[in-house]
Amino acid sequence: AGCTFTPLRGDDAWRPASAQCLEIQQGARNGNQYNVGADVYVNGPYGSRASGIPVIPGKRYEFSGKLAAHRADSGLWIHFFDANDVVVPGGAGTGWVTRSSGGRDLSVWTHAAIFAVAPAGAVYAAAYWRKSDTDAGQTTSFAWLCQPYFGEATVAQTVPSTYTPGVGRGAFANLSKI
C-alpha cells in the first residue's frame, strides 16, 4: 500500500532515547476498502509454523508494545493457527489505539496491549502491528512501534507487562532479528 518499513536511525528525532523503534512511512491515502496502510508481522511470515510463536491451548497470552502515529491510526493483533497453518477462531486485537505524537519520550506513547486465550487446536500465534491508511487530505503518515512484547499472561492481568531490556521471558527475548 505504498508503505516503507524501516528501523529508525540513531540520529532520528523520533527515535526514543536509548531505545530501538520500527517505523512505517506512507504517502497519500491509497483508498483501499479496508482502510489499511500496512501490516507488519513481527515474528515472520503470516500463517507460517516455522516463524510462529508456539502456544499452548487454554493458556492466556499478552501482546503489547508502545505505539505512536501521525496522520494515521495503529494497533496490535494476534491470530492463532493450527498445525496445518489454518487460522483458529479466537484471535484478538486492540483496534485503533489512542494516537500519540511519538517523539523521544516514551512516556507519552500509547502502551497498547491485547490479552487472548489460545483456543483449542492452536499450536502457534502470529503477532502483528497494523497501520491504517493515511488520513484523508494528508500527503504522508507515520506509525511507530517500540518495545514489543509477547508472552504468557496471568489469568487476571489487564495492564501490559513492564518492559525490561534483556529480560529472559517472552518470545521476542531470544530472537536475533525482528
Protein backbone atom coordinates (compact mmCIF):
# COMPACT_ATOMS: atom_id res chain seq x y z
CA ALA A 1 0.00 0.00 0.00
CA GLY A 2 2.86 2.37 -0.74
CA CYS A 3 4.47 2.00 2.68
CA THR A 4 8.13 1.99 3.65
CA PHE A 5 9.11 -0.06 6.69
CA THR A 6 12.42 0.67 8.43
CA PRO A 7 14.13 0.72 11.80
CA LEU A 8 14.75 4.31 12.86
CA ARG A 9 18.26 5.69 12.58
CA GLY A 10 20.09 6.55 15.78
CA ASP A 11 20.06 10.25 14.88
CA ASP A 12 16.34 10.38 14.04
CA ALA A 13 14.40 12.95 16.09
CA TRP A 14 11.51 10.45 16.51
CA ARG A 15 13.66 7.67 17.95
CA PRO A 16 13.11 7.35 21.70
CA ALA A 17 16.21 7.99 23.77
CA SER A 18 18.14 4.76 24.41
CA ALA A 19 15.60 2.61 22.53
CA GLN A 20 15.11 0.96 19.17
CA CYS A 21 11.96 1.54 17.17
CA LEU A 22 10.27 0.42 13.95
CA GLU A 23 8.67 2.94 11.62
CA ILE A 24 6.14 2.76 8.80
CA GLN A 25 6.00 5.73 6.45
CA GLN A 26 3.29 6.07 3.83
CA GLY A 27 2.43 8.62 1.16
CA ALA A 28 -1.05 9.87 0.29
CA ARG A 29 -4.12 7.79 1.05
CA ASN A 30 -4.33 4.63 -1.09
CA GLY A 31 -8.10 4.37 -0.65
CA ASN A 32 -8.28 0.59 -0.18
CA GLN A 33 -11.60 -0.72 1.09
CA TYR A 34 -10.15 -1.92 4.40
CA ASN A 35 -8.51 1.39 5.46
CA VAL A 36 -5.18 -0.43 5.96
CA GLY A 37 -1.81 1.03 5.02
CA ALA A 38 0.38 -1.85 6.23
CA ASP A 39 0.58 -4.93 8.39
CA VAL A 40 3.93 -5.83 9.96
CA TYR A 41 4.14 -9.43 11.14
CA VAL A 42 6.64 -9.11 13.97
CA ASN A 43 7.56 -12.81 14.13
CA GLY A 44 7.84 -13.60 10.41
CA PRO A 45 5.54 -14.57 7.55
CA TYR A 46 1.83 -14.73 8.40
CA GLY A 47 0.50 -18.28 8.70
CA SER A 48 3.87 -19.99 8.81
CA ARG A 49 4.50 -22.53 11.55
CA ALA A 50 8.26 -22.11 11.01
CA SER A 51 8.09 -18.49 12.21
CA GLY A 52 5.05 -18.72 14.51
CA ILE A 53 5.25 -18.27 18.27
CA PRO A 54 4.44 -21.61 19.94
CA VAL A 55 1.38 -21.51 22.22
CA ILE A 56 -0.47 -23.93 24.47
CA PRO A 57 -4.27 -24.14 24.11
CA GLY A 58 -6.01 -22.75 27.19
CA LYS A 59 -3.09 -20.50 28.18
CA ARG A 60 -3.59 -16.73 28.18
CA TYR A 61 -1.15 -14.57 26.22
CA GLU A 62 -0.20 -10.90 26.03
CA PHE A 63 0.97 -8.94 23.01
CA SER A 64 1.92 -5.38 23.89
CA GLY A 65 4.08 -2.52 22.74
CA LYS A 66 4.46 1.24 22.75
CA LEU A 67 2.71 2.83 19.76
CA ALA A 68 2.66 6.28 18.21
CA ALA A 69 1.21 7.54 14.94
CA HIS A 70 0.95 10.75 12.93
CA ARG A 71 -1.90 11.27 10.41
CA ALA A 72 -2.89 7.59 10.76
CA ASP A 73 -4.00 5.04 13.33
CA SER A 74 -2.28 1.88 14.54
CA GLY A 75 -2.95 -1.17 16.70
CA LEU A 76 -1.85 -4.69 17.63
CA TRP A 77 -3.41 -8.05 16.72
CA ILE A 78 -2.89 -11.77 17.44
CA HIS A 79 -4.12 -14.65 15.30
CA PHE A 80 -3.83 -18.30 16.31
CA PHE A 81 -3.13 -21.15 13.88
CA ASP A 82 -3.40 -24.94 13.95
CA ALA A 83 -0.73 -27.44 12.82
CA ASN A 84 -1.94 -27.07 9.20
CA ASP A 85 -1.42 -23.28 9.17
CA VAL A 86 -5.18 -22.63 9.28
CA VAL A 87 -6.49 -19.74 11.42
CA VAL A 88 -8.25 -20.94 14.57
CA PRO A 89 -11.03 -18.57 15.70
CA GLY A 90 -10.18 -16.81 18.96
CA GLY A 91 -7.67 -14.14 17.97
CA ALA A 92 -7.86 -10.62 19.32
CA GLY A 93 -6.84 -7.07 18.59
CA THR A 94 -6.64 -3.68 20.24
CA GLY A 95 -8.45 -1.95 17.40
CA TRP A 96 -7.11 1.52 16.62
CA VAL A 97 -5.45 2.86 19.76
CA THR A 98 -5.37 6.43 21.02
CA ARG A 99 -2.97 8.40 18.86
CA SER A 100 0.12 9.96 20.34
CA SER A 101 2.69 12.04 18.53
CA GLY A 102 5.66 9.85 19.39
CA GLY A 103 8.94 11.59 19.89
CA ARG A 104 11.85 10.81 22.17
CA ASP A 105 9.84 10.50 25.41
CA LEU A 106 8.25 7.01 25.59
CA SER A 107 6.03 8.09 28.48
CA VAL A 108 3.79 9.94 26.00
CA TRP A 109 3.44 6.95 23.67
CA THR A 110 0.36 4.71 23.95
CA HIS A 111 1.19 1.44 25.74
CA ALA A 112 -1.22 -0.88 23.92
CA ALA A 113 -1.94 -4.47 24.95
CA ILE A 114 -4.09 -7.40 23.92
CA PHE A 115 -4.83 -10.45 26.04
CA ALA A 116 -6.13 -13.63 24.43
CA VAL A 117 -6.50 -17.28 25.39
CA ALA A 118 -5.08 -19.72 22.84
CA PRO A 119 -8.09 -21.68 21.59
CA ALA A 120 -8.34 -25.46 21.33
CA GLY A 121 -6.30 -26.70 18.38
CA ALA A 122 -3.94 -23.71 18.33
CA VAL A 123 -0.24 -24.55 18.07
CA TYR A 124 1.22 -21.13 17.26
CA ALA A 125 0.42 -17.43 17.15
CA ALA A 126 1.13 -14.68 14.66
CA ALA A 127 1.50 -11.24 16.25
CA TYR A 128 1.17 -8.20 14.05
CA TRP A 129 1.16 -4.42 14.10
CA ARG A 130 -1.24 -2.62 11.75
CA LYS A 131 -1.14 0.95 10.45
CA SER A 132 -4.23 2.50 8.91
CA ASP A 133 -4.31 4.29 5.60
CA THR A 134 -3.14 7.92 5.62
CA ASP A 135 -5.78 10.37 6.86
CA ALA A 136 -7.88 11.89 4.08
CA GLY A 137 -6.36 15.06 2.66
CA GLN A 138 -2.84 14.38 4.01
CA THR A 139 0.24 13.69 1.88
CA THR A 140 2.11 11.46 4.35
CA SER A 141 1.59 9.47 7.52
CA PHE A 142 3.79 7.64 10.01
CA ALA A 143 3.44 4.94 12.67
CA TRP A 144 6.00 3.73 15.22
CA LEU A 145 6.34 0.59 17.36
CA CYS A 146 8.75 0.28 20.26
CA GLN A 147 9.32 -2.38 22.93
CA PRO A 148 7.09 -5.16 21.51
CA TYR A 149 6.41 -8.00 23.93
CA PHE A 150 4.68 -11.36 23.53
CA GLY A 151 4.42 -13.81 26.41
CA GLU A 152 2.17 -15.71 28.75
CA ALA A 153 -0.16 -13.51 30.79
CA THR A 154 -1.69 -14.13 34.18
CA VAL A 155 -5.38 -15.02 34.42
CA ALA A 156 -6.39 -11.63 35.85
CA GLN A 157 -3.85 -9.40 34.09
CA THR A 158 -5.35 -6.27 32.49
CA VAL A 159 -2.32 -3.99 32.08
CA PRO A 160 0.72 -4.54 29.87
CA SER A 161 3.83 -6.10 31.35
CA THR A 162 6.62 -3.70 32.27
CA TYR A 163 9.33 -3.67 29.64
CA THR A 164 12.78 -4.68 30.87
CA PRO A 165 15.69 -4.71 28.38
CA GLY A 166 17.26 -8.15 28.05
CA VAL A 167 14.57 -9.89 30.09
CA GLY A 168 14.53 -13.63 29.52
CA ARG A 169 10.77 -14.11 29.19
CA GLY A 170 8.59 -13.69 26.13
CA ALA A 171 9.01 -14.98 22.61
CA PHE A 172 10.89 -11.89 21.41
CA ALA A 173 13.56 -12.10 24.10
CA ASN A 174 15.65 -14.64 22.19
CA LEU A 175 15.10 -13.52 18.58
CA SER A 176 18.14 -12.38 16.65
CA LYS A 177 16.04 -10.29 14.23
CA ILE A 178 12.57 -8.81 14.06
